[in-house]
């Protein structure tokens, strides 16, 4: 009987946890994006864009979306081709869409060579980390993509638990 209640409790209250890397060139808006995600998914107000300084090292943010915990790592490294990230979904954000002359998300694919990434699911999304445009849609796509990813299933089996 205990195991039945424990299983039900675990199913209802245990949340999947995913780690998300935020990668990009300097001054692309990675930290501003992280602050906006935190403010949209929590009751806390993120740092205003004019108070954000260039990242030295890394910033970490935790949010909950769709019964899933997301741990965001704001980095500036080129780690996309690392073997530990093989098959991980890739969300490419066309940030700064609130500015005149910003490259639209649908044109961004022309500038990126993604032929070598054909083994992973990816999407382009127009966002503005300053005003929040497209942030929730982006996070929702990311959660859905990670939940259905074969890589997630592999990591679950390897870890022997529901935490990834």
C-alpha atoms as a PDB file:
ATOM      1  CA  UNK A   1       0.000   0.000   0.000  1.00  0.00           C
ATOM      2  CA  UNK A   2       2.864   2.356   0.862  1.00  0.00           C
ATOM      3  CA  UNK A   3       4.459   1.828  -2.535  1.00  0.00           C
ATOM      4  CA  UNK A   4       1.166   2.681  -4.265  1.00  0.00           C
ATOM      5  CA  UNK A   5       0.898   6.003  -2.409  1.00  0.00           C
ATOM      6  CA  UNK A   6       4.604   6.703  -2.868  1.00  0.00           C
ATOM      7  CA  UNK A   7       4.325   6.046  -6.608  1.00  0.00           C
ATOM      8  CA  UNK A   8       1.290   8.327  -6.877  1.00  0.00           C
ATOM      9  CA  UNK A   9       3.000  11.061  -4.841  1.00  0.00           C
ATOM     10  CA  UNK A  10       6.158  10.772  -6.917  1.00  0.00           C
ATOM     11  CA  UNK A  11       4.160  10.927 -10.165  1.00  0.00           C
ATOM     12  CA  UNK A  12       2.210  14.006  -9.083  1.00  0.00           C
ATOM     13  CA  UNK A  13       4.925  15.998  -7.355  1.00  0.00           C
ATOM     14  CA  UNK A  14       8.227  15.015  -8.941  1.00  0.00           C
ATOM     15  CA  UNK A  15       9.178  17.273 -11.811  1.00  0.00           C
ATOM     16  CA  UNK A  16      11.508  16.485 -14.677  1.00  0.00           C
ATOM     17  CA  UNK A  17      14.614  18.675 -14.592  1.00  0.00           C
ATOM     18  CA  UNK A  18      16.449  19.763 -17.728  1.00  0.00           C
ATOM     19  CA  UNK A  19      19.648  21.733 -18.045  1.00  0.00           C
ATOM     20  CA  UNK A  20      19.622  24.354 -20.790  1.00  0.00           C
ATOM     21  CA  UNK A  21      22.738  26.048 -22.188  1.00  0.00           C
ATOM     22  CA  UNK A  22      22.411  29.628 -23.396  1.00  0.00           C
ATOM     23  CA  UNK A  23      25.188  30.151 -25.919  1.00  0.00           C
ATOM     24  CA  UNK A  24      26.043  33.042 -28.183  1.00  0.00           C
ATOM     25  CA  UNK A  25      28.455  35.787 -29.079  1.00  0.00           C
ATOM     26  CA  UNK A  26      29.222  38.702 -26.756  1.00  0.00           C
ATOM     27  CA  UNK A  27      26.471  41.308 -26.343  1.00  0.00           C
ATOM     28  CA  UNK A  28      23.890  39.049 -28.025  1.00  0.00           C
ATOM     29  CA  UNK A  29      21.554  39.429 -25.038  1.00  0.00           C
ATOM     30  CA  UNK A  30      22.084  36.068 -23.307  1.00  0.00           C
ATOM     31  CA  UNK A  31      21.985  37.433 -19.767  1.00  0.00           C
ATOM     32  CA  UNK A  32      19.095  39.775 -20.585  1.00  0.00           C
ATOM     33  CA  UNK A  33      17.212  36.759 -21.949  1.00  0.00           C
ATOM     34  CA  UNK A  34      17.926  34.761 -18.784  1.00  0.00           C
ATOM     35  CA  UNK A  35      16.690  37.628 -16.596  1.00  0.00           C
ATOM     36  CA  UNK A  36      13.493  37.950 -18.662  1.00  0.00           C
ATOM     37  CA  UNK A  37      12.836  34.195 -18.477  1.00  0.00           C
ATOM     38  CA  UNK A  38      13.268  34.306 -14.690  1.00  0.00           C
ATOM     39  CA  UNK A  39      10.885  37.261 -14.358  1.00  0.00           C
ATOM     40  CA  UNK A  40       8.214  35.655 -16.591  1.00  0.00           C
ATOM     41  CA  UNK A  41       8.270  32.320 -14.751  1.00  0.00           C
ATOM     42  CA  UNK A  42       8.603  33.488 -11.173  1.00  0.00           C
ATOM     43  CA  UNK A  43       7.212  36.186  -8.937  1.00  0.00           C
ATOM     44  CA  UNK A  44      10.603  37.857  -8.852  1.00  0.00           C
ATOM     45  CA  UNK A  45      11.552  40.764 -11.067  1.00  0.00           C
ATOM     46  CA  UNK A  46      14.740  40.158 -13.056  1.00  0.00           C
ATOM     47  CA  UNK A  47      17.500  42.701 -13.430  1.00  0.00           C
ATOM     48  CA  UNK A  48      16.555  45.591 -15.714  1.00  0.00           C
ATOM     49  CA  UNK A  49      18.548  45.595 -18.981  1.00  0.00           C
ATOM     50  CA  UNK A  50      20.416  48.795 -18.083  1.00  0.00           C
ATOM     51  CA  UNK A  51      21.854  47.136 -14.939  1.00  0.00           C
ATOM     52  CA  UNK A  52      23.149  43.981 -16.662  1.00  0.00           C
ATOM     53  CA  UNK A  53      26.918  43.820 -17.075  1.00  0.00           C
ATOM     54  CA  UNK A  54      28.913  41.464 -19.342  1.00  0.00           C
ATOM     55  CA  UNK A  55      29.061  37.930 -17.957  1.00  0.00           C
ATOM     56  CA  UNK A  56      32.333  36.796 -16.453  1.00  0.00           C
ATOM     57  CA  UNK A  57      32.150  33.037 -15.979  1.00  0.00           C
ATOM     58  CA  UNK A  58      28.515  32.010 -15.944  1.00  0.00           C
ATOM     59  CA  UNK A  59      25.042  32.882 -14.700  1.00  0.00           C
ATOM     60  CA  UNK A  60      22.557  30.241 -13.608  1.00  0.00           C
ATOM     61  CA  UNK A  61      18.790  30.628 -13.461  1.00  0.00           C
ATOM     62  CA  UNK A  62      16.114  28.142 -12.394  1.00  0.00           C
ATOM     63  CA  UNK A  63      12.484  28.241 -13.473  1.00  0.00           C
ATOM     64  CA  UNK A  64       9.507  25.894 -13.568  1.00  0.00           C
ATOM     65  CA  UNK A  65       7.434  25.587 -16.746  1.00  0.00           C
ATOM     66  CA  UNK A  66       4.820  22.982 -17.660  1.00  0.00           C
ATOM     67  CA  UNK A  67       5.592  20.784 -14.618  1.00  0.00           C
ATOM     68  CA  UNK A  68       9.245  20.794 -15.624  1.00  0.00           C
ATOM     69  CA  UNK A  69      12.239  22.337 -13.885  1.00  0.00           C
ATOM     70  CA  UNK A  70      14.642  24.159 -16.190  1.00  0.00           C
ATOM     71  CA  UNK A  71      18.152  25.109 -15.123  1.00  0.00           C
ATOM     72  CA  UNK A  72      19.579  27.704 -17.524  1.00  0.00           C
ATOM     73  CA  UNK A  73      23.348  28.086 -17.855  1.00  0.00           C
ATOM     74  CA  UNK A  74      24.349  31.392 -19.449  1.00  0.00           C
ATOM     75  CA  UNK A  75      27.734  30.715 -21.079  1.00  0.00           C
ATOM     76  CA  UNK A  76      29.807  32.157 -23.902  1.00  0.00           C
ATOM     77  CA  UNK A  77      31.579  28.909 -24.908  1.00  0.00           C
ATOM     78  CA  UNK A  78      31.414  26.961 -28.177  1.00  0.00           C
ATOM     79  CA  UNK A  79      30.257  23.619 -26.834  1.00  0.00           C
ATOM     80  CA  UNK A  80      27.512  22.687 -29.286  1.00  0.00           C
ATOM     81  CA  UNK A  81      29.494  19.882 -30.919  1.00  0.00           C
ATOM     82  CA  UNK A  82      30.576  18.285 -27.631  1.00  0.00           C
ATOM     83  CA  UNK A  83      29.704  14.586 -27.479  1.00  0.00           C
ATOM     84  CA  UNK A  84      27.631  15.033 -24.307  1.00  0.00           C
ATOM     85  CA  UNK A  85      25.277  17.296 -26.246  1.00  0.00           C
ATOM     86  CA  UNK A  86      24.698  14.947 -29.195  1.00  0.00           C
ATOM     87  CA  UNK A  87      20.990  14.812 -30.002  1.00  0.00           C
ATOM     88  CA  UNK A  88      20.056  17.635 -27.617  1.00  0.00           C
ATOM     89  CA  UNK A  89      17.352  19.916 -29.064  1.00  0.00           C
ATOM     90  CA  UNK A  90      18.595  23.279 -30.280  1.00  0.00           C
ATOM     91  CA  UNK A  91      16.574  26.476 -30.033  1.00  0.00           C
ATOM     92  CA  UNK A  92      18.055  29.340 -32.035  1.00  0.00           C
ATOM     93  CA  UNK A  93      16.796  32.711 -30.876  1.00  0.00           C
ATOM     94  CA  UNK A  94      16.814  35.768 -33.095  1.00  0.00           C
ATOM     95  CA  UNK A  95      17.109  38.241 -30.237  1.00  0.00           C
ATOM     96  CA  UNK A  96      16.743  42.018 -30.276  1.00  0.00           C
ATOM     97  CA  UNK A  97      13.648  41.900 -32.490  1.00  0.00           C
ATOM     98  CA  UNK A  98      12.563  45.146 -30.820  1.00  0.00           C
ATOM     99  CA  UNK A  99      15.375  46.948 -32.667  1.00  0.00           C
ATOM    100  CA  UNK A 100      15.230  48.281 -36.184  1.00  0.00           C
ATOM    101  CA  UNK A 101      17.298  46.227 -38.606  1.00  0.00           C
ATOM    102  CA  UNK A 102      17.180  43.009 -36.545  1.00  0.00           C
ATOM    103  CA  UNK A 103      17.503  39.867 -38.666  1.00  0.00           C
ATOM    104  CA  UNK A 104      14.133  38.046 -38.658  1.00  0.00           C
ATOM    105  CA  UNK A 105      14.135  34.474 -37.366  1.00  0.00           C
ATOM    106  CA  UNK A 106      13.152  33.037 -40.747  1.00  0.00           C
ATOM    107  CA  UNK A 107      16.176  34.675 -42.401  1.00  0.00           C
ATOM    108  CA  UNK A 108      18.598  33.572 -39.693  1.00  0.00           C
ATOM    109  CA  UNK A 109      18.847  30.025 -41.114  1.00  0.00           C
ATOM    110  CA  UNK A 110      20.500  31.452 -44.221  1.00  0.00           C
ATOM    111  CA  UNK A 111      23.420  32.685 -42.108  1.00  0.00           C
ATOM    112  CA  UNK A 112      23.914  29.506 -40.078  1.00  0.00           C
ATOM    113  CA  UNK A 113      25.294  26.228 -41.392  1.00  0.00           C
ATOM    114  CA  UNK A 114      23.092  23.679 -39.633  1.00  0.00           C
ATOM    115  CA  UNK A 115      23.674  20.792 -42.049  1.00  0.00           C
ATOM    116  CA  UNK A 116      26.000  19.135 -39.541  1.00  0.00           C
ATOM    117  CA  UNK A 117      23.299  19.309 -36.868  1.00  0.00           C
ATOM    118  CA  UNK A 118      20.720  17.265 -38.751  1.00  0.00           C
ATOM    119  CA  UNK A 119      20.613  14.604 -36.019  1.00  0.00           C
ATOM    120  CA  UNK A 120      19.005  17.021 -33.584  1.00  0.00           C
ATOM    121  CA  UNK A 121      15.689  18.798 -33.528  1.00  0.00           C
ATOM    122  CA  UNK A 122      15.993  22.559 -33.866  1.00  0.00           C
ATOM    123  CA  UNK A 123      13.795  25.618 -34.258  1.00  0.00           C
ATOM    124  CA  UNK A 124      14.182  29.341 -34.841  1.00  0.00           C
ATOM    125  CA  UNK A 125      12.268  31.824 -32.693  1.00  0.00           C
ATOM    126  CA  UNK A 126      12.062  35.620 -32.829  1.00  0.00           C
ATOM    127  CA  UNK A 127      12.476  37.125 -29.350  1.00  0.00           C
ATOM    128  CA  UNK A 128      13.218  40.321 -27.537  1.00  0.00           C
ATOM    129  CA  UNK A 129      14.905  39.733 -24.210  1.00  0.00           C
ATOM    130  CA  UNK A 130      14.194  43.358 -23.305  1.00  0.00           C
ATOM    131  CA  UNK A 131      10.404  43.343 -23.638  1.00  0.00           C
ATOM    132  CA  UNK A 132       9.730  39.589 -23.460  1.00  0.00           C
ATOM    133  CA  UNK A 133       8.490  39.014 -27.017  1.00  0.00           C
ATOM    134  CA  UNK A 134       8.533  35.283 -27.819  1.00  0.00           C
ATOM    135  CA  UNK A 135      10.062  34.180 -24.494  1.00  0.00           C
ATOM    136  CA  UNK A 136       7.190  31.965 -23.293  1.00  0.00           C
ATOM    137  CA  UNK A 137       6.707  30.416 -26.739  1.00  0.00           C
ATOM    138  CA  UNK A 138      10.431  29.636 -26.853  1.00  0.00           C
ATOM    139  CA  UNK A 139      10.491  28.008 -23.422  1.00  0.00           C
ATOM    140  CA  UNK A 140       7.357  25.993 -24.241  1.00  0.00           C
ATOM    141  CA  UNK A 141       8.954  24.684 -27.464  1.00  0.00           C
ATOM    142  CA  UNK A 142      12.128  23.820 -25.547  1.00  0.00           C
ATOM    143  CA  UNK A 143      10.268  21.886 -22.838  1.00  0.00           C
ATOM    144  CA  UNK A 144       8.255  19.956 -25.427  1.00  0.00           C
ATOM    145  CA  UNK A 145      11.335  19.168 -27.523  1.00  0.00           C
ATOM    146  CA  UNK A 146      13.327  17.978 -24.509  1.00  0.00           C
ATOM    147  CA  UNK A 147      10.485  15.825 -23.190  1.00  0.00           C
ATOM    148  CA  UNK A 148      10.168  13.940 -26.500  1.00  0.00           C
ATOM    149  CA  UNK A 149      13.913  13.751 -27.204  1.00  0.00           C
ATOM    150  CA  UNK A 150      15.532  10.313 -27.539  1.00  0.00           C
ATOM    151  CA  UNK A 151      18.520  11.821 -25.743  1.00  0.00           C
ATOM    152  CA  UNK A 152      16.321  12.458 -22.689  1.00  0.00           C
ATOM    153  CA  UNK A 153      15.188   8.828 -22.685  1.00  0.00           C
ATOM    154  CA  UNK A 154      18.813   7.679 -22.916  1.00  0.00           C
ATOM    155  CA  UNK A 155      19.837   9.914 -20.015  1.00  0.00           C
ATOM    156  CA  UNK A 156      16.904   8.692 -17.909  1.00  0.00           C
ATOM    157  CA  UNK A 157      17.977   5.100 -18.396  1.00  0.00           C
ATOM    158  CA  UNK A 158      21.624   5.953 -17.691  1.00  0.00           C
ATOM    159  CA  UNK A 159      20.710   7.849 -14.504  1.00  0.00           C
ATOM    160  CA  UNK A 160      18.145   5.294 -13.386  1.00  0.00           C
ATOM    161  CA  UNK A 161      15.744   8.072 -12.423  1.00  0.00           C
ATOM    162  CA  UNK A 162      13.439  10.751 -13.821  1.00  0.00           C
ATOM    163  CA  UNK A 163      15.930  13.560 -13.285  1.00  0.00           C
ATOM    164  CA  UNK A 164      17.873  14.763 -16.346  1.00  0.00           C
END
